């Protein structure tokens, strides 16, 4: 004998989890690698004691 509410629960969990992963895509903006020159410039300003913007 199969317990259909158990299967329904697993389907619901999988659907909500997949939906959550899909809607979370791109929440932090576009993904890209920063320029090495810009990164080095930021490190220098951080070491000199300037405030980070």
PDB file of N, CA and C in Angstrom:
ATOM      1  N   UNK A   1       0.844  -1.178   0.000  1.00  0.00           N
ATOM      2  CA  UNK A   1       0.000   0.000   0.000  1.00  0.00           C
ATOM      3  C   UNK A   1       0.897   1.253   0.000  1.00  0.00           C
ATOM      4  N   UNK A   2       0.616   2.181  -0.898  1.00  0.00           N
ATOM      5  CA  UNK A   2       1.405   3.410  -1.023  1.00  0.00           C
ATOM      6  C   UNK A   2       0.711   4.548  -0.300  1.00  0.00           C
ATOM      7  N   UNK A   3       1.512   5.396   0.263  1.00  0.00           N
ATOM      8  CA  UNK A   3       0.989   6.549   0.991  1.00  0.00           C
ATOM      9  C   UNK A   3       1.109   7.775   0.085  1.00  0.00           C
ATOM     10  N   UNK A   4       0.025   8.149  -0.607  1.00  0.00           N
ATOM     11  CA  UNK A   4       0.097   9.249  -1.567  1.00  0.00           C
ATOM     12  C   UNK A   4       0.383  10.594  -0.924  1.00  0.00           C
ATOM     13  N   UNK A   5      -0.041  10.879   0.336  1.00  0.00           N
ATOM     14  CA  UNK A   5       0.347  12.174   0.912  1.00  0.00           C
ATOM     15  C   UNK A   5       1.869  12.325   1.066  1.00  0.00           C
ATOM     16  N   UNK A   6       2.578  11.211   1.292  1.00  0.00           N
ATOM     17  CA  UNK A   6       4.033  11.283   1.410  1.00  0.00           C
ATOM     18  C   UNK A   6       4.646  11.699   0.075  1.00  0.00           C
ATOM     19  N   UNK A   7       4.158  11.122  -1.018  1.00  0.00           N
ATOM     20  CA  UNK A   7       4.665  11.495  -2.340  1.00  0.00           C
ATOM     21  C   UNK A   7       4.312  12.941  -2.660  1.00  0.00           C
ATOM     22  N   UNK A   8       3.126  13.354  -2.264  1.00  0.00           N
ATOM     23  CA  UNK A   8       2.713  14.731  -2.480  1.00  0.00           C
ATOM     24  C   UNK A   8       3.613  15.698  -1.712  1.00  0.00           C
ATOM     25  N   UNK A   9       3.984  15.337  -0.501  1.00  0.00           N
ATOM     26  CA  UNK A   9       4.880  16.171   0.294  1.00  0.00           C
ATOM     27  C   UNK A   9       6.243  16.295  -0.379  1.00  0.00           C
ATOM     28  N   UNK A  10       6.801  15.191  -0.869  1.00  0.00           N
ATOM     29  CA  UNK A  10       8.102  15.238  -1.535  1.00  0.00           C
ATOM     30  C   UNK A  10       8.042  16.052  -2.823  1.00  0.00           C
ATOM     31  N   UNK A  11       6.955  15.946  -3.554  1.00  0.00           N
ATOM     32  CA  UNK A  11       6.795  16.743  -4.776  1.00  0.00           C
ATOM     33  C   UNK A  11       6.709  18.225  -4.423  1.00  0.00           C
ATOM     34  N   UNK A  12       5.974  18.546  -3.359  1.00  0.00           N
ATOM     35  CA  UNK A  12       5.854  19.929  -2.923  1.00  0.00           C
ATOM     36  C   UNK A  12       7.205  20.494  -2.484  1.00  0.00           C
ATOM     37  N   UNK A  13       7.957  19.727  -1.718  1.00  0.00           N
ATOM     38  CA  UNK A  13       9.282  20.172  -1.263  1.00  0.00           C
ATOM     39  C   UNK A  13      10.213  20.390  -2.460  1.00  0.00           C
ATOM     40  N   UNK A  14      10.219  19.462  -3.396  1.00  0.00           N
ATOM     41  CA  UNK A  14      11.081  19.591  -4.578  1.00  0.00           C
ATOM     42  C   UNK A  14      10.678  20.796  -5.417  1.00  0.00           C
ATOM     43  N   UNK A  15       9.386  21.012  -5.586  1.00  0.00           N
ATOM     44  CA  UNK A  15       8.908  22.143  -6.391  1.00  0.00           C
ATOM     45  C   UNK A  15       9.269  23.472  -5.737  1.00  0.00           C
ATOM     46  N   UNK A  16       9.051  23.578  -4.435  1.00  0.00           N
ATOM     47  CA  UNK A  16       9.394  24.820  -3.742  1.00  0.00           C
ATOM     48  C   UNK A  16      10.902  25.072  -3.737  1.00  0.00           C
ATOM     49  N   UNK A  17      11.685  24.023  -3.555  1.00  0.00           N
ATOM     50  CA  UNK A  17      13.137  24.177  -3.575  1.00  0.00           C
ATOM     51  C   UNK A  17      13.641  24.607  -4.938  1.00  0.00           C
ATOM     52  N   UNK A  18      13.142  23.990  -5.985  1.00  0.00           N
ATOM     53  CA  UNK A  18      13.549  24.348  -7.337  1.00  0.00           C
ATOM     54  C   UNK A  18      13.107  25.771  -7.670  1.00  0.00           C
ATOM     55  N   UNK A  19      11.899  26.121  -7.290  1.00  0.00           N
ATOM     56  CA  UNK A  19      11.406  27.477  -7.532  1.00  0.00           C
ATOM     57  C   UNK A  19      12.234  28.513  -6.799  1.00  0.00           C
ATOM     58  N   UNK A  20      12.648  28.190  -5.589  1.00  0.00           N
ATOM     59  CA  UNK A  20      13.479  29.107  -4.809  1.00  0.00           C
ATOM     60  C   UNK A  20      14.841  29.301  -5.472  1.00  0.00           C
ATOM     61  N   UNK A  21      15.423  28.244  -5.975  1.00  0.00           N
ATOM     62  CA  UNK A  21      16.720  28.359  -6.646  1.00  0.00           C
ATOM     63  C   UNK A  21      16.606  29.170  -7.931  1.00  0.00           C
ATOM     64  N   UNK A  22      15.523  28.981  -8.669  1.00  0.00           N
ATOM     65  CA  UNK A  22      15.355  29.696  -9.933  1.00  0.00           C
ATOM     66  C   UNK A  22      15.136  31.184  -9.691  1.00  0.00           C
ATOM     67  N   UNK A  23      14.318  31.538  -8.706  1.00  0.00           N
ATOM     68  CA  UNK A  23      14.041  32.951  -8.464  1.00  0.00           C
ATOM     69  C   UNK A  23      15.215  33.668  -7.813  1.00  0.00           C
ATOM     70  N   UNK A  24      16.143  32.935  -7.209  1.00  0.00           N
ATOM     71  CA  UNK A  24      17.289  33.572  -6.558  1.00  0.00           C
ATOM     72  C   UNK A  24      18.392  33.926  -7.554  1.00  0.00           C
ATOM     73  N   UNK A  25      18.301  33.499  -8.797  1.00  0.00           N
ATOM     74  CA  UNK A  25      19.334  33.777  -9.790  1.00  0.00           C
ATOM     75  C   UNK A  25      19.431  35.270 -10.063  1.00  0.00           C
ATOM     76  N   UNK A  26      20.614  35.822  -9.973  1.00  0.00           N
ATOM     77  CA  UNK A  26      20.850  37.215 -10.322  1.00  0.00           C
ATOM     78  C   UNK A  26      20.435  38.206  -9.265  1.00  0.00           C
ATOM     79  N   UNK A  27      20.236  37.802  -8.039  1.00  0.00           N
ATOM     80  CA  UNK A  27      19.803  38.728  -7.010  1.00  0.00           C
ATOM     81  C   UNK A  27      20.899  39.718  -6.627  1.00  0.00           C
ATOM     82  N   UNK A  28      22.136  39.375  -6.844  1.00  0.00           N
ATOM     83  CA  UNK A  28      23.240  40.266  -6.489  1.00  0.00           C
ATOM     84  C   UNK A  28      23.742  41.045  -7.710  1.00  0.00           C
ATOM     85  N   UNK A  29      23.014  41.046  -8.760  1.00  0.00           N
ATOM     86  CA  UNK A  29      23.423  41.774  -9.954  1.00  0.00           C
ATOM     87  C   UNK A  29      24.155  40.860 -10.919  1.00  0.00           C
ATOM     88  N   UNK A  30      24.639  41.412 -11.996  1.00  0.00           N
ATOM     89  CA  UNK A  30      25.328  40.604 -12.992  1.00  0.00           C
ATOM     90  C   UNK A  30      26.641  40.053 -12.442  1.00  0.00           C
ATOM     91  N   UNK A  31      26.942  38.849 -12.833  1.00  0.00           N
ATOM     92  CA  UNK A  31      28.169  38.208 -12.383  1.00  0.00           C
ATOM     93  C   UNK A  31      29.278  38.468 -13.401  1.00  0.00           C
ATOM     94  N   UNK A  32      30.399  39.000 -12.949  1.00  0.00           N
ATOM     95  CA  UNK A  32      31.537  39.273 -13.821  1.00  0.00           C
ATOM     96  C   UNK A  32      32.800  39.261 -12.982  1.00  0.00           C
ATOM     97  N   UNK A  33      33.921  39.111 -13.637  1.00  0.00           N
ATOM     98  CA  UNK A  33      35.215  39.168 -12.963  1.00  0.00           C
ATOM     99  C   UNK A  33      35.706  40.610 -12.998  1.00  0.00           C
ATOM    100  N   UNK A  34      36.113  41.154 -11.865  1.00  0.00           N
ATOM    101  CA  UNK A  34      36.588  42.544 -11.851  1.00  0.00           C
ATOM    102  C   UNK A  34      37.930  42.671 -12.561  1.00  0.00           C
ATOM    103  N   UNK A  35      38.215  43.886 -13.017  1.00  0.00           N
ATOM    104  CA  UNK A  35      39.494  44.170 -13.651  1.00  0.00           C
ATOM    105  C   UNK A  35      40.611  44.032 -12.626  1.00  0.00           C
ATOM    106  N   UNK A  36      41.723  43.371 -12.975  1.00  0.00           N
ATOM    107  CA  UNK A  36      42.840  43.270 -12.025  1.00  0.00           C
ATOM    108  C   UNK A  36      43.396  44.640 -11.641  1.00  0.00           C
ATOM    109  N   UNK A  37      43.404  45.584 -12.566  1.00  0.00           N
ATOM    110  CA  UNK A  37      43.932  46.913 -12.267  1.00  0.00           C
ATOM    111  C   UNK A  37      43.049  47.615 -11.241  1.00  0.00           C
ATOM    112  N   UNK A  38      41.764  47.502 -11.376  1.00  0.00           N
ATOM    113  CA  UNK A  38      40.833  48.122 -10.435  1.00  0.00           C
ATOM    114  C   UNK A  38      40.966  47.488  -9.065  1.00  0.00           C
ATOM    115  N   UNK A  39      41.148  46.187  -9.047  1.00  0.00           N
ATOM    116  CA  UNK A  39      41.289  45.465  -7.778  1.00  0.00           C
ATOM    117  C   UNK A  39      42.560  45.903  -7.047  1.00  0.00           C
ATOM    118  N   UNK A  40      43.665  46.054  -7.777  1.00  0.00           N
ATOM    119  CA  UNK A  40      44.914  46.487  -7.161  1.00  0.00           C
ATOM    120  C   UNK A  40      44.789  47.915  -6.645  1.00  0.00           C
ATOM    121  N   UNK A  41      44.075  48.748  -7.370  1.00  0.00           N
ATOM    122  CA  UNK A  41      43.893  50.134  -6.963  1.00  0.00           C
ATOM    123  C   UNK A  41      43.073  50.196  -5.668  1.00  0.00           C
ATOM    124  N   UNK A  42      42.062  49.353  -5.534  1.00  0.00           N
ATOM    125  CA  UNK A  42      41.252  49.324  -4.330  1.00  0.00           C
ATOM    126  C   UNK A  42      42.070  48.838  -3.140  1.00  0.00           C
ATOM    127  N   UNK A  43      42.947  47.857  -3.357  1.00  0.00           N
ATOM    128  CA  UNK A  43      43.792  47.358  -2.277  1.00  0.00           C
ATOM    129  C   UNK A  43      44.733  48.452  -1.780  1.00  0.00           C
ATOM    130  N   UNK A  44      45.271  49.249  -2.694  1.00  0.00           N
ATOM    131  CA  UNK A  44      46.175  50.330  -2.303  1.00  0.00           C
ATOM    132  C   UNK A  44      45.444  51.378  -1.475  1.00  0.00           C
ATOM    133  N   UNK A  45      44.204  51.714  -1.869  1.00  0.00           N
ATOM    134  CA  UNK A  45      43.456  52.715  -1.109  1.00  0.00           C
ATOM    135  C   UNK A  45      43.049  52.159   0.252  1.00  0.00           C
ATOM    136  N   UNK A  46      42.789  50.868   0.347  1.00  0.00           N
ATOM    137  CA  UNK A  46      42.454  50.258   1.633  1.00  0.00           C
ATOM    138  C   UNK A  46      43.668  50.273   2.576  1.00  0.00           C
ATOM    139  N   UNK A  47      44.847  50.038   2.033  1.00  0.00           N
ATOM    140  CA  UNK A  47      46.052  50.004   2.851  1.00  0.00           C
ATOM    141  C   UNK A  47      46.464  51.411   3.304  1.00  0.00           C
ATOM    142  N   UNK A  48      46.127  52.425   2.515  1.00  0.00           N
ATOM    143  CA  UNK A  48      46.515  53.778   2.880  1.00  0.00           C
ATOM    144  C   UNK A  48      45.586  54.378   3.927  1.00  0.00           C
ATOM    145  N   UNK A  49      44.502  53.699   4.232  1.00  0.00           N
ATOM    146  CA  UNK A  49      43.610  54.172   5.298  1.00  0.00           C
ATOM    147  C   UNK A  49      42.408  54.942   4.795  1.00  0.00           C
ATOM    148  N   UNK A  50      42.208  54.996   3.500  1.00  0.00           N
ATOM    149  CA  UNK A  50      41.044  55.692   2.963  1.00  0.00           C
ATOM    150  C   UNK A  50      39.786  54.896   3.237  1.00  0.00           C
ATOM    151  N   UNK A  51      38.697  55.591   3.292  1.00  0.00           N
ATOM    152  CA  UNK A  51      37.401  54.918   3.520  1.00  0.00           C
ATOM    153  C   UNK A  51      36.989  54.174   2.268  1.00  0.00           C
ATOM    154  N   UNK A  52      36.415  53.000   2.455  1.00  0.00           N
ATOM    155  CA  UNK A  52      35.934  52.197   1.333  1.00  0.00           C
ATOM    156  C   UNK A  52      34.532  52.659   0.995  1.00  0.00           C
ATOM    157  N   UNK A  53      34.286  52.882  -0.279  1.00  0.00           N
ATOM    158  CA  UNK A  53      32.961  53.343  -0.699  1.00  0.00           C
ATOM    159  C   UNK A  53      32.019  52.201  -0.852  1.00  0.00           C
TER     160      UNK A  53
END
